[in-house]
Amino acid sequence: LEQPIRIALIESMEDLEKQVYEQVDAYLDTICD
């Protein structure tokens, strides 16, 4: 795999992870309140 493609893939995966974590946090907040 070419390096730029790999870096872009890793970055987009990290962005996705962050979004998922934020959604889980918000979801847990609504449950706990």
C-alpha atoms as a PDB file:
ATOM      1  CA  LEU A   1       0.000   0.000   0.000  1.00  0.00           C
ATOM      2  CA  GLU A   2       1.255   3.485  -0.835  1.00  0.00           C
ATOM      3  CA  GLN A   3       2.164   5.580   2.181  1.00  0.00           C
ATOM      4  CA  PRO A   4      -0.195   8.561   1.544  1.00  0.00           C
ATOM      5  CA  ILE A   5      -3.150   6.217   1.100  1.00  0.00           C
ATOM      6  CA  ARG A   6      -2.290   4.402   4.322  1.00  0.00           C
ATOM      7  CA  ILE A   7      -1.985   7.653   6.257  1.00  0.00           C
ATOM      8  CA  ALA A   8      -5.325   8.899   4.889  1.00  0.00           C
ATOM      9  CA  LEU A   9      -6.958   5.587   5.829  1.00  0.00           C
ATOM     10  CA  ILE A  10      -5.593   5.716   9.373  1.00  0.00           C
ATOM     11  CA  GLU A  11      -6.702   9.331   9.790  1.00  0.00           C
ATOM     12  CA  SER A  12     -10.240   8.632   8.579  1.00  0.00           C
ATOM     13  CA  MET A  13     -10.451   5.616  10.885  1.00  0.00           C
ATOM     14  CA  GLU A  14      -9.401   7.799  13.832  1.00  0.00           C
ATOM     15  CA  ASP A  15     -12.041  10.385  12.894  1.00  0.00           C
ATOM     16  CA  LEU A  16     -14.668   7.633  12.763  1.00  0.00           C
ATOM     17  CA  GLU A  17     -13.586   6.301  16.159  1.00  0.00           C
ATOM     18  CA  LYS A  18     -13.794   9.776  17.674  1.00  0.00           C
ATOM     19  CA  GLN A  19     -17.313  10.256  16.297  1.00  0.00           C
ATOM     20  CA  VAL A  20     -18.413   6.900  17.705  1.00  0.00           C
ATOM     21  CA  TYR A  21     -16.967   7.694  21.130  1.00  0.00           C
ATOM     22  CA  GLU A  22     -18.712  11.090  21.151  1.00  0.00           C
ATOM     23  CA  GLN A  23     -22.032   9.482  20.218  1.00  0.00           C
ATOM     24  CA  VAL A  24     -21.625   6.843  22.934  1.00  0.00           C
ATOM     25  CA  ASP A  25     -20.828   9.574  25.468  1.00  0.00           C
ATOM     26  CA  ALA A  26     -23.933  11.548  24.492  1.00  0.00           C
ATOM     27  CA  TYR A  27     -26.026   8.362  24.618  1.00  0.00           C
ATOM     28  CA  LEU A  28     -24.777   7.463  28.082  1.00  0.00           C
ATOM     29  CA  ASP A  29     -25.483  11.022  29.236  1.00  0.00           C
ATOM     30  CA  THR A  30     -29.131  10.692  28.194  1.00  0.00           C
ATOM     31  CA  ILE A  31     -29.432   7.379  30.062  1.00  0.00           C
ATOM     32  CA  CYS A  32     -27.772   8.568  33.262  1.00  0.00           C
ATOM     33  CA  ASP A  33     -29.785  11.784  33.548  1.00  0.00           C
END
